[in-house]
Amino acid sequence: QVHLVESGGGLAQAGGSLTLSCVASGDISETNSMAWFRQHPGDERDLVAISISGGATHYVEAVRGRFTISRDNTWNTVYLQMNSLKPEDTAVYYCSYKPGNDWGRGTQVTVSS
């Protein structure tokens, strides 16, 4: 079993930056992917960015060029650097290991205009 804890959410102004962190503990392997999802009120949880085994990354169009996902060299922490924030980035952000299999409890990001 994997336990995930997100941190780093909060309030930012449009155009600002935030960095989210997610620490994973338990049965972690560098061969498994980690990802960030977000959920707007009333909507489903959607993929934002994924870090794939081997170092490849993928971003949804809405955040490409503004957000960066990375993992540290212990492979148990994943980050989401969010730049040029927009009000539509306001959501609860969730970390996921083996995306869709294990979830954190989420961290709120609010971007004011």
PDB file of N, CA and C in Angstrom:
ATOM      1  N   GLN A   1       0.847  -1.189   0.000  1.00  0.00           N
ATOM      2  CA  GLN A   1       0.000   0.000   0.000  1.00  0.00           C
ATOM      3  C   GLN A   1       0.882   1.239   0.000  1.00  0.00           C
ATOM      4  N   VAL A   2       0.386   2.281  -0.655  1.00  0.00           N
ATOM      5  CA  VAL A   2       1.136   3.530  -0.790  1.00  0.00           C
ATOM      6  C   VAL A   2       0.348   4.659  -0.134  1.00  0.00           C
ATOM      7  N   HIS A   3       1.051   5.461   0.647  1.00  0.00           N
ATOM      8  CA  HIS A   3       0.456   6.628   1.312  1.00  0.00           C
ATOM      9  C   HIS A   3       1.030   7.880   0.675  1.00  0.00           C
ATOM     10  N   LEU A   4       0.154   8.790   0.274  1.00  0.00           N
ATOM     11  CA  LEU A   4       0.570  10.004  -0.419  1.00  0.00           C
ATOM     12  C   LEU A   4       0.090  11.224   0.348  1.00  0.00           C
ATOM     13  N   VAL A   5       0.986  12.204   0.515  1.00  0.00           N
ATOM     14  CA  VAL A   5       0.629  13.434   1.211  1.00  0.00           C
ATOM     15  C   VAL A   5       1.051  14.627   0.367  1.00  0.00           C
ATOM     16  N   GLU A   6       0.063  15.416  -0.036  1.00  0.00           N
ATOM     17  CA  GLU A   6       0.331  16.617  -0.824  1.00  0.00           C
ATOM     18  C   GLU A   6       0.516  17.830   0.091  1.00  0.00           C
ATOM     19  N   SER A   7       1.265  18.793  -0.402  1.00  0.00           N
ATOM     20  CA  SER A   7       1.417  20.071   0.287  1.00  0.00           C
ATOM     21  C   SER A   7       1.741  21.142  -0.744  1.00  0.00           C
ATOM     22  N   GLY A   8       1.661  22.404  -0.307  1.00  0.00           N
ATOM     23  CA  GLY A   8       2.071  23.495  -1.173  1.00  0.00           C
ATOM     24  C   GLY A   8       0.943  24.275  -1.804  1.00  0.00           C
ATOM     25  N   GLY A   9      -0.284  23.829  -1.601  1.00  0.00           N
ATOM     26  CA  GLY A   9      -1.399  24.579  -2.146  1.00  0.00           C
ATOM     27  C   GLY A   9      -1.602  25.880  -1.388  1.00  0.00           C
ATOM     28  N   GLY A  10      -2.502  26.686  -1.889  1.00  0.00           N
ATOM     29  CA  GLY A  10      -2.783  27.953  -1.233  1.00  0.00           C
ATOM     30  C   GLY A  10      -3.374  28.941  -2.214  1.00  0.00           C
ATOM     31  N   LEU A  11      -3.241  30.196  -1.862  1.00  0.00           N
ATOM     32  CA  LEU A  11      -3.806  31.286  -2.654  1.00  0.00           C
ATOM     33  C   LEU A  11      -2.702  31.981  -3.433  1.00  0.00           C
ATOM     34  N   ALA A  12      -2.940  32.219  -4.709  1.00  0.00           N
ATOM     35  CA  ALA A  12      -1.990  32.936  -5.546  1.00  0.00           C
ATOM     36  C   ALA A  12      -2.757  33.911  -6.435  1.00  0.00           C
ATOM     37  N   GLN A  13      -2.075  34.930  -6.877  1.00  0.00           N
ATOM     38  CA  GLN A  13      -2.677  35.857  -7.827  1.00  0.00           C
ATOM     39  C   GLN A  13      -2.446  35.350  -9.248  1.00  0.00           C
ATOM     40  N   ALA A  14      -3.309  35.742 -10.141  1.00  0.00           N
ATOM     41  CA  ALA A  14      -3.116  35.392 -11.541  1.00  0.00           C
ATOM     42  C   ALA A  14      -1.740  35.874 -12.002  1.00  0.00           C
ATOM     43  N   GLY A  15      -1.047  35.005 -12.709  1.00  0.00           N
ATOM     44  CA  GLY A  15       0.306  35.302 -13.140  1.00  0.00           C
ATOM     45  C   GLY A  15       1.376  34.850 -12.169  1.00  0.00           C
ATOM     46  N   GLY A  16       0.953  34.454 -10.997  1.00  0.00           N
ATOM     47  CA  GLY A  16       1.890  34.017  -9.973  1.00  0.00           C
ATOM     48  C   GLY A  16       2.259  32.552 -10.102  1.00  0.00           C
ATOM     49  N   SER A  17       2.955  32.068  -9.082  1.00  0.00           N
ATOM     50  CA  SER A  17       3.463  30.697  -9.094  1.00  0.00           C
ATOM     51  C   SER A  17       3.205  30.003  -7.768  1.00  0.00           C
ATOM     52  N   LEU A  18       3.065  28.710  -7.838  1.00  0.00           N
ATOM     53  CA  LEU A  18       3.008  27.845  -6.670  1.00  0.00           C
ATOM     54  C   LEU A  18       3.722  26.554  -7.010  1.00  0.00           C
ATOM     55  N   THR A  19       4.270  25.911  -5.991  1.00  0.00           N
ATOM     56  CA  THR A  19       4.863  24.598  -6.175  1.00  0.00           C
ATOM     57  C   THR A  19       4.204  23.609  -5.236  1.00  0.00           C
ATOM     58  N   LEU A  20       3.643  22.566  -5.806  1.00  0.00           N
ATOM     59  CA  LEU A  20       3.042  21.501  -5.030  1.00  0.00           C
ATOM     60  C   LEU A  20       4.055  20.373  -4.848  1.00  0.00           C
ATOM     61  N   SER A  21       3.985  19.742  -3.690  1.00  0.00           N
ATOM     62  CA  SER A  21       4.830  18.584  -3.412  1.00  0.00           C
ATOM     63  C   SER A  21       3.952  17.424  -2.987  1.00  0.00           C
ATOM     64  N   CYS A  22       4.425  16.232  -3.275  1.00  0.00           N
ATOM     65  CA  CYS A  22       3.714  15.024  -2.850  1.00  0.00           C
ATOM     66  C   CYS A  22       4.755  13.999  -2.435  1.00  0.00           C
ATOM     67  N   VAL A  23       4.670  13.606  -1.168  1.00  0.00           N
ATOM     68  CA  VAL A  23       5.595  12.611  -0.645  1.00  0.00           C
ATOM     69  C   VAL A  23       4.877  11.275  -0.555  1.00  0.00           C
ATOM     70  N   ALA A  24       5.492  10.285  -1.147  1.00  0.00           N
ATOM     71  CA  ALA A  24       4.923   8.940  -1.143  1.00  0.00           C
ATOM     72  C   ALA A  24       5.699   8.047  -0.190  1.00  0.00           C
ATOM     73  N   SER A  25       4.998   7.207   0.522  1.00  0.00           N
ATOM     74  CA  SER A  25       5.642   6.222   1.388  1.00  0.00           C
ATOM     75  C   SER A  25       4.955   4.881   1.187  1.00  0.00           C
ATOM     76  N   GLY A  26       5.707   3.833   1.522  1.00  0.00           N
ATOM     77  CA  GLY A  26       5.172   2.499   1.329  1.00  0.00           C
ATOM     78  C   GLY A  26       5.893   1.779   0.211  1.00  0.00           C
ATOM     79  N   ASP A  27       5.168   1.025  -0.534  1.00  0.00           N
ATOM     80  CA  ASP A  27       5.735   0.174  -1.590  1.00  0.00           C
ATOM     81  C   ASP A  27       5.931   0.982  -2.868  1.00  0.00           C
ATOM     82  N   ILE A  28       7.005   1.801  -2.852  1.00  0.00           N
ATOM     83  CA  ILE A  28       7.280   2.701  -3.966  1.00  0.00           C
ATOM     84  C   ILE A  28       8.334   2.102  -4.878  1.00  0.00           C
ATOM     85  N   SER A  29       8.123   2.239  -6.167  1.00  0.00           N
ATOM     86  CA  SER A  29       9.110   1.795  -7.143  1.00  0.00           C
ATOM     87  C   SER A  29       9.285   2.879  -8.195  1.00  0.00           C
ATOM     88  N   GLU A  30      10.514   3.112  -8.574  1.00  0.00           N
ATOM     89  CA  GLU A  30      10.787   4.109  -9.613  1.00  0.00           C
ATOM     90  C   GLU A  30      10.224   3.675 -10.952  1.00  0.00           C
ATOM     91  N   THR A  31       9.842   2.439 -11.069  1.00  0.00           N
ATOM     92  CA  THR A  31       9.315   1.975 -12.351  1.00  0.00           C
ATOM     93  C   THR A  31       7.859   2.344 -12.557  1.00  0.00           C
ATOM     94  N   ASN A  32       7.255   2.870 -11.506  1.00  0.00           N
ATOM     95  CA  ASN A  32       5.843   3.257 -11.618  1.00  0.00           C
ATOM     96  C   ASN A  32       5.704   4.754 -11.798  1.00  0.00           C
ATOM     97  N   SER A  33       4.675   5.140 -12.505  1.00  0.00           N
ATOM     98  CA  SER A  33       4.439   6.547 -12.787  1.00  0.00           C
ATOM     99  C   SER A  33       3.789   7.240 -11.607  1.00  0.00           C
ATOM    100  N   MET A  34       3.977   8.542 -11.573  1.00  0.00           N
ATOM    101  CA  MET A  34       3.257   9.395 -10.630  1.00  0.00           C
ATOM    102  C   MET A  34       2.660  10.552 -11.422  1.00  0.00           C
ATOM    103  N   ALA A  35       1.564  11.054 -10.929  1.00  0.00           N
ATOM    104  CA  ALA A  35       0.856  12.080 -11.692  1.00  0.00           C
ATOM    105  C   ALA A  35       0.143  13.045 -10.767  1.00  0.00           C
ATOM    106  N   TRP A  36      -0.197  14.171 -11.337  1.00  0.00           N
ATOM    107  CA  TRP A  36      -1.049  15.155 -10.680  1.00  0.00           C
ATOM    108  C   TRP A  36      -2.366  15.242 -11.445  1.00  0.00           C
ATOM    109  N   PHE A  37      -3.435  15.243 -10.678  1.00  0.00           N
ATOM    110  CA  PHE A  37      -4.768  15.453 -11.207  1.00  0.00           C
ATOM    111  C   PHE A  37      -5.347  16.687 -10.533  1.00  0.00           C
ATOM    112  N   ARG A  38      -6.424  17.201 -11.077  1.00  0.00           N
ATOM    113  CA  ARG A  38      -7.135  18.277 -10.401  1.00  0.00           C
ATOM    114  C   ARG A  38      -8.622  18.114 -10.617  1.00  0.00           C
ATOM    115  N   GLN A  39      -9.351  18.674  -9.667  1.00  0.00           N
ATOM    116  CA  GLN A  39     -10.801  18.565  -9.713  1.00  0.00           C
ATOM    117  C   GLN A  39     -11.414  19.923  -9.419  1.00  0.00           C
ATOM    118  N   HIS A  40     -12.133  20.448 -10.417  1.00  0.00           N
ATOM    119  CA  HIS A  40     -12.885  21.679 -10.226  1.00  0.00           C
ATOM    120  C   HIS A  40     -14.200  21.319  -9.559  1.00  0.00           C
ATOM    121  N   PRO A  41     -14.779  22.251  -8.811  1.00  0.00           N
ATOM    122  CA  PRO A  41     -16.054  21.965  -8.144  1.00  0.00           C
ATOM    123  C   PRO A  41     -17.106  21.469  -9.125  1.00  0.00           C
ATOM    124  N   GLY A  42     -17.710  20.341  -8.791  1.00  0.00           N
ATOM    125  CA  GLY A  42     -18.767  19.797  -9.628  1.00  0.00           C
ATOM    126  C   GLY A  42     -18.298  19.006 -10.829  1.00  0.00           C
ATOM    127  N   ASP A  43     -16.979  18.954 -11.036  1.00  0.00           N
ATOM    128  CA  ASP A  43     -16.446  18.243 -12.193  1.00  0.00           C
ATOM    129  C   ASP A  43     -15.744  16.955 -11.772  1.00  0.00           C
ATOM    130  N   GLU A  44     -15.385  16.174 -12.767  1.00  0.00           N
ATOM    131  CA  GLU A  44     -14.603  14.972 -12.503  1.00  0.00           C
ATOM    132  C   GLU A  44     -13.136  15.326 -12.281  1.00  0.00           C
ATOM    133  N   ARG A  45     -12.409  14.395 -11.727  1.00  0.00           N
ATOM    134  CA  ARG A  45     -10.982  14.570 -11.510  1.00  0.00           C
ATOM    135  C   ARG A  45     -10.266  14.314 -12.829  1.00  0.00           C
ATOM    136  N   ASP A  46      -9.464  15.281 -13.263  1.00  0.00           N
ATOM    137  CA  ASP A  46      -8.807  15.204 -14.567  1.00  0.00           C
ATOM    138  C   ASP A  46      -7.293  15.209 -14.424  1.00  0.00           C
ATOM    139  N   LEU A  47      -6.651  14.500 -15.314  1.00  0.00           N
ATOM    140  CA  LEU A  47      -5.191  14.474 -15.342  1.00  0.00           C
ATOM    141  C   LEU A  47      -4.639  15.849 -15.699  1.00  0.00           C
ATOM    142  N   VAL A  48      -3.580  16.238 -14.994  1.00  0.00           N
ATOM    143  CA  VAL A  48      -2.875  17.490 -15.297  1.00  0.00           C
ATOM    144  C   VAL A  48      -1.517  17.190 -15.915  1.00  0.00           C
ATOM    145  N   ALA A  49      -0.754  16.325 -15.241  1.00  0.00           N
ATOM    146  CA  ALA A  49       0.594  16.002 -15.712  1.00  0.00           C
ATOM    147  C   ALA A  49       0.996  14.648 -15.154  1.00  0.00           C
ATOM    148  N   ILE A  50       1.842  13.947 -15.903  1.00  0.00           N
ATOM    149  CA  ILE A  50       2.289  12.633 -15.475  1.00  0.00           C
ATOM    150  C   ILE A  50       3.790  12.493 -15.699  1.00  0.00           C
ATOM    151  N   SER A  51       4.448  11.871 -14.738  1.00  0.00           N
ATOM    152  CA  SER A  51       5.867  11.553 -14.843  1.00  0.00           C
ATOM    153  C   SER A  51       5.974  10.043 -14.994  1.00  0.00           C
ATOM    154  N   ILE A  52       6.464   9.623 -16.146  1.00  0.00           N
ATOM    155  CA  ILE A  52       6.483   8.212 -16.499  1.00  0.00           C
ATOM    156  C   ILE A  52       7.853   7.622 -16.189  1.00  0.00           C
ATOM    157  N   SER A  53       7.882   6.360 -15.849  1.00  0.00           N
ATOM    158  CA  SER A  53       9.145   5.659 -15.619  1.00  0.00           C
ATOM    159  C   SER A  53      10.106   5.917 -16.768  1.00  0.00           C
ATOM    160  N   GLY A  54      11.333   6.281 -16.440  1.00  0.00           N
ATOM    161  CA  GLY A  54      12.321   6.597 -17.454  1.00  0.00           C
ATOM    162  C   GLY A  54      12.487   8.088 -17.645  1.00  0.00           C
ATOM    163  N   GLY A  55      11.583   8.861 -17.058  1.00  0.00           N
ATOM    164  CA  GLY A  55      11.744  10.312 -17.075  1.00  0.00           C
ATOM    165  C   GLY A  55      10.848  11.069 -18.020  1.00  0.00           C
ATOM    166  N   ALA A  56      10.113  10.376 -18.854  1.00  0.00           N
ATOM    167  CA  ALA A  56       9.230  11.084 -19.779  1.00  0.00           C
ATOM    168  C   ALA A  56       8.102  11.744 -19.015  1.00  0.00           C
ATOM    169  N   THR A  57       7.637  12.855 -19.556  1.00  0.00           N
ATOM    170  CA  THR A  57       6.524  13.579 -18.931  1.00  0.00           C
ATOM    171  C   THR A  57       5.472  13.909 -19.988  1.00  0.00           C
ATOM    172  N   HIS A  58       4.269  14.113 -19.495  1.00  0.00           N
ATOM    173  CA  HIS A  58       3.177  14.470 -20.392  1.00  0.00           C
ATOM    174  C   HIS A  58       2.295  15.466 -19.676  1.00  0.00           C
ATOM    175  N   TYR A  59       1.803  16.448 -20.428  1.00  0.00           N
ATOM    176  CA  TYR A  59       0.953  17.491 -19.858  1.00  0.00           C
ATOM    177  C   TYR A  59      -0.309  17.631 -20.696  1.00  0.00           C
ATOM    178  N   VAL A  60      -1.382  17.992 -20.031  1.00  0.00           N
ATOM    179  CA  VAL A  60      -2.575  18.323 -20.790  1.00  0.00           C
ATOM    180  C   VAL A  60      -2.375  19.698 -21.412  1.00  0.00           C
ATOM    181  N   GLU A  61      -3.079  19.943 -22.465  1.00  0.00           N
ATOM    182  CA  GLU A  61      -2.896  21.160 -23.239  1.00  0.00           C
ATOM    183  C   GLU A  61      -3.085  22.413 -22.387  1.00  0.00           C
ATOM    184  N   ALA A  62      -4.008  22.381 -21.455  1.00  0.00           N
ATOM    185  CA  ALA A  62      -4.335  23.569 -20.666  1.00  0.00           C
ATOM    186  C   ALA A  62      -3.182  24.065 -19.806  1.00  0.00           C
ATOM    187  N   VAL A  63      -2.228  23.196 -19.496  1.00  0.00           N
ATOM    188  CA  VAL A  63      -1.134  23.597 -18.603  1.00  0.00           C
ATOM    189  C   VAL A  63       0.235  23.502 -19.278  1.00  0.00           C
ATOM    190  N   ARG A  64       0.287  22.978 -20.490  1.00  0.00           N
ATOM    191  CA  ARG A  64       1.576  22.777 -21.152  1.00  0.00           C
ATOM    192  C   ARG A  64       2.285  24.120 -21.331  1.00  0.00           C
ATOM    193  N   GLY A  65       3.553  24.136 -20.950  1.00  0.00           N
ATOM    194  CA  GLY A  65       4.330  25.368 -21.037  1.00  0.00           C
ATOM    195  C   GLY A  65       4.275  26.215 -19.783  1.00  0.00           C
ATOM    196  N   ARG A  66       3.332  25.901 -18.896  1.00  0.00           N
ATOM    197  CA  ARG A  66       3.209  26.668 -17.643  1.00  0.00           C
ATOM    198  C   ARG A  66       3.543  25.810 -16.423  1.00  0.00           C
ATOM    199  N   PHE A  67       3.205  24.537 -16.471  1.00  0.00           N
ATOM    200  CA  PHE A  67       3.433  23.638 -15.338  1.00  0.00           C
ATOM    201  C   PHE A  67       4.573  22.677 -15.673  1.00  0.00           C
ATOM    202  N   THR A  68       5.305  22.281 -14.633  1.00  0.00           N
ATOM    203  CA  THR A  68       6.378  21.301 -14.792  1.00  0.00           C
ATOM    204  C   THR A  68       6.281  20.259 -13.696  1.00  0.00           C
ATOM    205  N   ILE A  69       6.226  18.993 -14.099  1.00  0.00           N
ATOM    206  CA  ILE A  69       6.223  17.889 -13.137  1.00  0.00           C
ATOM    207  C   ILE A  69       7.628  17.319 -13.041  1.00  0.00           C
ATOM    208  N   SER A  70       8.032  16.985 -11.836  1.00  0.00           N
ATOM    209  CA  SER A  70       9.351  16.394 -11.649  1.00  0.00           C
ATOM    210  C   SER A  70       9.330  15.466 -10.444  1.00  0.00           C
ATOM    211  N   ARG A  71      10.295  14.558 -10.414  1.00  0.00           N
ATOM    212  CA  ARG A  71      10.450  13.655  -9.281  1.00  0.00           C
ATOM    213  C   ARG A  71      11.868  13.777  -8.762  1.00  0.00           C
ATOM    214  N   ASP A  72      12.020  13.621  -7.461  1.00  0.00           N
ATOM    215  CA  ASP A  72      13.378  13.692  -6.936  1.00  0.00           C
ATOM    216  C   ASP A  72      14.077  12.357  -7.139  1.00  0.00           C
ATOM    217  N   ASN A  73      15.370  12.317  -6.811  1.00  0.00           N
ATOM    218  CA  ASN A  73      16.153  11.133  -7.161  1.00  0.00           C
ATOM    219  C   ASN A  73      15.915   9.963  -6.224  1.00  0.00           C
ATOM    220  N   THR A  74      15.084  10.155  -5.205  1.00  0.00           N
ATOM    221  CA  THR A  74      14.673   9.010  -4.395  1.00  0.00           C
ATOM    222  C   THR A  74      13.387   8.400  -4.933  1.00  0.00           C
ATOM    223  N   TRP A  75      12.796   9.089  -5.909  1.00  0.00           N
ATOM    224  CA  TRP A  75      11.581   8.626  -6.598  1.00  0.00           C
ATOM    225  C   TRP A  75      10.361   8.579  -5.694  1.00  0.00           C
ATOM    226  N   ASN A  76      10.449   9.141  -4.480  1.00  0.00           N
ATOM    227  CA  ASN A  76       9.276   9.094  -3.621  1.00  0.00           C
ATOM    228  C   ASN A  76       8.610  10.439  -3.457  1.00  0.00           C
ATOM    229  N   THR A  77       9.126  11.458  -4.138  1.00  0.00           N
ATOM    230  CA  THR A  77       8.525  12.785  -4.074  1.00  0.00           C
ATOM    231  C   THR A  77       8.309  13.302  -5.491  1.00  0.00           C
ATOM    232  N   VAL A  78       7.137  13.787  -5.739  1.00  0.00           N
ATOM    233  CA  VAL A  78       6.838  14.382  -7.034  1.00  0.00           C
ATOM    234  C   VAL A  78       6.393  15.823  -6.807  1.00  0.00           C
ATOM    235  N   TYR A  79       6.824  16.688  -7.698  1.00  0.00           N
ATOM    236  CA  TYR A  79       6.534  18.107  -7.593  1.00  0.00           C
ATOM    237  C   TYR A  79       5.707  18.557  -8.793  1.00  0.00           C
ATOM    238  N   LEU A  80       4.987  19.632  -8.589  1.00  0.00           N
ATOM    239  CA  LEU A  80       4.317  20.290  -9.701  1.00  0.00           C
ATOM    240  C   LEU A  80       4.589  21.782  -9.563  1.00  0.00           C
ATOM    241  N   GLN A  81       5.490  22.287 -10.397  1.00  0.00           N
ATOM    242  CA  GLN A  81       5.782  23.708 -10.435  1.00  0.00           C
ATOM    243  C   GLN A  81       4.763  24.362 -11.352  1.00  0.00           C
ATOM    244  N   MET A  82       4.010  25.292 -10.800  1.00  0.00           N
ATOM    245  CA  MET A  82       2.935  25.942 -11.545  1.00  0.00           C
ATOM    246  C   MET A  82       3.254  27.420 -11.701  1.00  0.00           C
ATOM    247  N   ASN A  83       3.479  27.840 -12.934  1.00  0.00           N
ATOM    248  CA  ASN A  83       3.782  29.238 -13.246  1.00  0.00           C
ATOM    249  C   ASN A  83       2.658  29.843 -14.075  1.00  0.00           C
ATOM    250  N   SER A  84       2.667  31.149 -14.158  1.00  0.00           N
ATOM    251  CA  SER A  84       1.666  31.873 -14.955  1.00  0.00           C
ATOM    252  C   SER A  84       0.256  31.380 -14.640  1.00  0.00           C
ATOM    253  N   LEU A  85      -0.033  31.306 -13.373  1.00  0.00           N
ATOM    254  CA  LEU A  85      -1.314  30.760 -12.935  1.00  0.00           C
ATOM    255  C   LEU A  85      -2.480  31.596 -13.446  1.00  0.00           C
ATOM    256  N   LYS A  86      -3.569  30.898 -13.713  1.00  0.00           N
ATOM    257  CA  LYS A  86      -4.797  31.526 -14.184  1.00  0.00           C
ATOM    258  C   LYS A  86      -5.938  31.181 -13.222  1.00  0.00           C
ATOM    259  N   PRO A  87      -6.966  32.021 -13.164  1.00  0.00           N
ATOM    260  CA  PRO A  87      -8.098  31.693 -12.288  1.00  0.00           C
ATOM    261  C   PRO A  87      -8.690  30.312 -12.566  1.00  0.00           C
ATOM    262  N   GLU A  88      -8.651  29.879 -13.810  1.00  0.00           N
ATOM    263  CA  GLU A  88      -9.196  28.560 -14.143  1.00  0.00           C
ATOM    264  C   GLU A  88      -8.342  27.398 -13.640  1.00  0.00           C
ATOM    265  N   ASP A  89      -7.171  27.708 -13.094  1.00  0.00           N
ATOM    266  CA  ASP A  89      -6.364  26.670 -12.444  1.00  0.00           C
ATOM    267  C   ASP A  89      -6.857  26.376 -11.036  1.00  0.00           C
ATOM    268  N   THR A  90      -7.787  27.173 -10.548  1.00  0.00           N
ATOM    269  CA  THR A  90      -8.349  26.947  -9.221  1.00  0.00           C
ATOM    270  C   THR A  90      -9.016  25.578  -9.162  1.00  0.00           C
ATOM    271  N   ALA A  91      -8.567  24.753  -8.228  1.00  0.00           N
ATOM    272  CA  ALA A  91      -9.065  23.379  -8.123  1.00  0.00           C
ATOM    273  C   ALA A  91      -8.415  22.729  -6.911  1.00  0.00           C
ATOM    274  N   VAL A  92      -8.897  21.551  -6.579  1.00  0.00           N
ATOM    275  CA  VAL A  92      -8.187  20.700  -5.633  1.00  0.00           C
ATOM    276  C   VAL A  92      -7.250  19.812  -6.457  1.00  0.00           C
ATOM    277  N   TYR A  93      -5.985  19.824  -6.089  1.00  0.00           N
ATOM    278  CA  TYR A  93      -4.966  19.063  -6.806  1.00  0.00           C
ATOM    279  C   TYR A  93      -4.638  17.790  -6.030  1.00  0.00           C
ATOM    280  N   TYR A  94      -4.625  16.680  -6.751  1.00  0.00           N
ATOM    281  CA  TYR A  94      -4.364  15.380  -6.148  1.00  0.00           C
ATOM    282  C   TYR A  94      -3.134  14.737  -6.775  1.00  0.00           C
ATOM    283  N   CYS A  95      -2.363  14.113  -5.921  1.00  0.00           N
ATOM    284  CA  CYS A  95      -1.229  13.321  -6.355  1.00  0.00           C
ATOM    285  C   CYS A  95      -1.701  11.875  -6.493  1.00  0.00           C
ATOM    286  N   SER A  96      -1.151  11.179  -7.468  1.00  0.00           N
ATOM    287  CA  SER A  96      -1.524   9.784  -7.654  1.00  0.00           C
ATOM    288  C   SER A  96      -0.304   8.954  -8.025  1.00  0.00           C
ATOM    289  N   TYR A  97      -0.186   7.796  -7.406  1.00  0.00           N
ATOM    290  CA  TYR A  97       0.872   6.835  -7.701  1.00  0.00           C
ATOM    291  C   TYR A  97       0.250   5.712  -8.517  1.00  0.00           C
ATOM    292  N   LYS A  98       1.020   5.230  -9.530  1.00  0.00           N
ATOM    293  CA  LYS A  98       0.389   4.299 -10.474  1.00  0.00           C
ATOM    294  C   LYS A  98      -0.982   4.887 -10.830  1.00  0.00           C
ATOM    295  N   PRO A  99      -0.943   6.040 -11.521  1.00  0.00           N
ATOM    296  CA  PRO A  99      -2.104   6.924 -11.636  1.00  0.00           C
ATOM    297  C   PRO A  99      -3.458   6.227 -11.694  1.00  0.00           C
ATOM    298  N   GLY A 100      -4.260   6.622 -10.732  1.00  0.00           N
ATOM    299  CA  GLY A 100      -5.569   6.039 -10.594  1.00  0.00           C
ATOM    300  C   GLY A 100      -5.633   4.944  -9.559  1.00  0.00           C
ATOM    301  N   ASN A 101      -4.450   4.501  -9.104  1.00  0.00           N
ATOM    302  CA  ASN A 101      -4.440   3.374  -8.168  1.00  0.00           C
ATOM    303  C   ASN A 101      -4.380   3.853  -6.719  1.00  0.00           C
ATOM    304  N   ASP A 102      -3.481   4.797  -6.436  1.00  0.00           N
ATOM    305  CA  ASP A 102      -3.329   5.338  -5.088  1.00  0.00           C
ATOM    306  C   ASP A 102      -3.448   6.861  -5.158  1.00  0.00           C
ATOM    307  N   TRP A 103      -4.115   7.435  -4.183  1.00  0.00           N
ATOM    308  CA  TRP A 103      -4.398   8.867  -4.182  1.00  0.00           C
ATOM    309  C   TRP A 103      -4.032   9.513  -2.863  1.00  0.00           C
ATOM    310  N   GLY A 104      -3.606  10.785  -2.950  1.00  0.00           N
ATOM    311  CA  GLY A 104      -3.512  11.606  -1.770  1.00  0.00           C
ATOM    312  C   GLY A 104      -4.866  12.219  -1.463  1.00  0.00           C
ATOM    313  N   ARG A 105      -4.905  13.042  -0.417  1.00  0.00           N
ATOM    314  CA  ARG A 105      -6.169  13.648  -0.012  1.00  0.00           C
ATOM    315  C   ARG A 105      -6.424  14.973  -0.701  1.00  0.00           C
ATOM    316  N   GLY A 106      -5.416  15.477  -1.391  1.00  0.00           N
ATOM    317  CA  GLY A 106      -5.603  16.687  -2.177  1.00  0.00           C
ATOM    318  C   GLY A 106      -5.164  17.943  -1.454  1.00  0.00           C
ATOM    319  N   THR A 107      -4.849  18.962  -2.244  1.00  0.00           N
ATOM    320  CA  THR A 107      -4.496  20.267  -1.710  1.00  0.00           C
ATOM    321  C   THR A 107      -5.176  21.330  -2.574  1.00  0.00           C
ATOM    322  N   GLN A 108      -5.758  22.312  -1.914  1.00  0.00           N
ATOM    323  CA  GLN A 108      -6.529  23.340  -2.618  1.00  0.00           C
ATOM    324  C   GLN A 108      -5.613  24.397  -3.199  1.00  0.00           C
ATOM    325  N   VAL A 109      -5.818  24.716  -4.450  1.00  0.00           N
ATOM    326  CA  VAL A 109      -5.142  25.838  -5.104  1.00  0.00           C
ATOM    327  C   VAL A 109      -6.214  26.823  -5.542  1.00  0.00           C
ATOM    328  N   THR A 110      -6.048  28.068  -5.132  1.00  0.00           N
ATOM    329  CA  THR A 110      -6.993  29.116  -5.495  1.00  0.00           C
ATOM    330  C   THR A 110      -6.229  30.258  -6.143  1.00  0.00           C
ATOM    331  N   VAL A 111      -6.623  30.621  -7.346  1.00  0.00           N
ATOM    332  CA  VAL A 111      -5.963  31.697  -8.083  1.00  0.00           C
ATOM    333  C   VAL A 111      -6.952  32.838  -8.255  1.00  0.00           C
ATOM    334  N   SER A 112      -6.582  33.992  -7.736  1.00  0.00           N
ATOM    335  CA  SER A 112      -7.455  35.164  -7.836  1.00  0.00           C
ATOM    336  C   SER A 112      -7.091  36.003  -9.051  1.00  0.00           C
ATOM    337  N   SER A 113      -8.097  36.635  -9.611  1.00  0.00           N
ATOM    338  CA  SER A 113      -7.863  37.450 -10.811  1.00  0.00           C
ATOM    339  C   SER A 113      -7.476  38.866 -10.459  1.00  0.00           C
TER     340      SER A 113
END
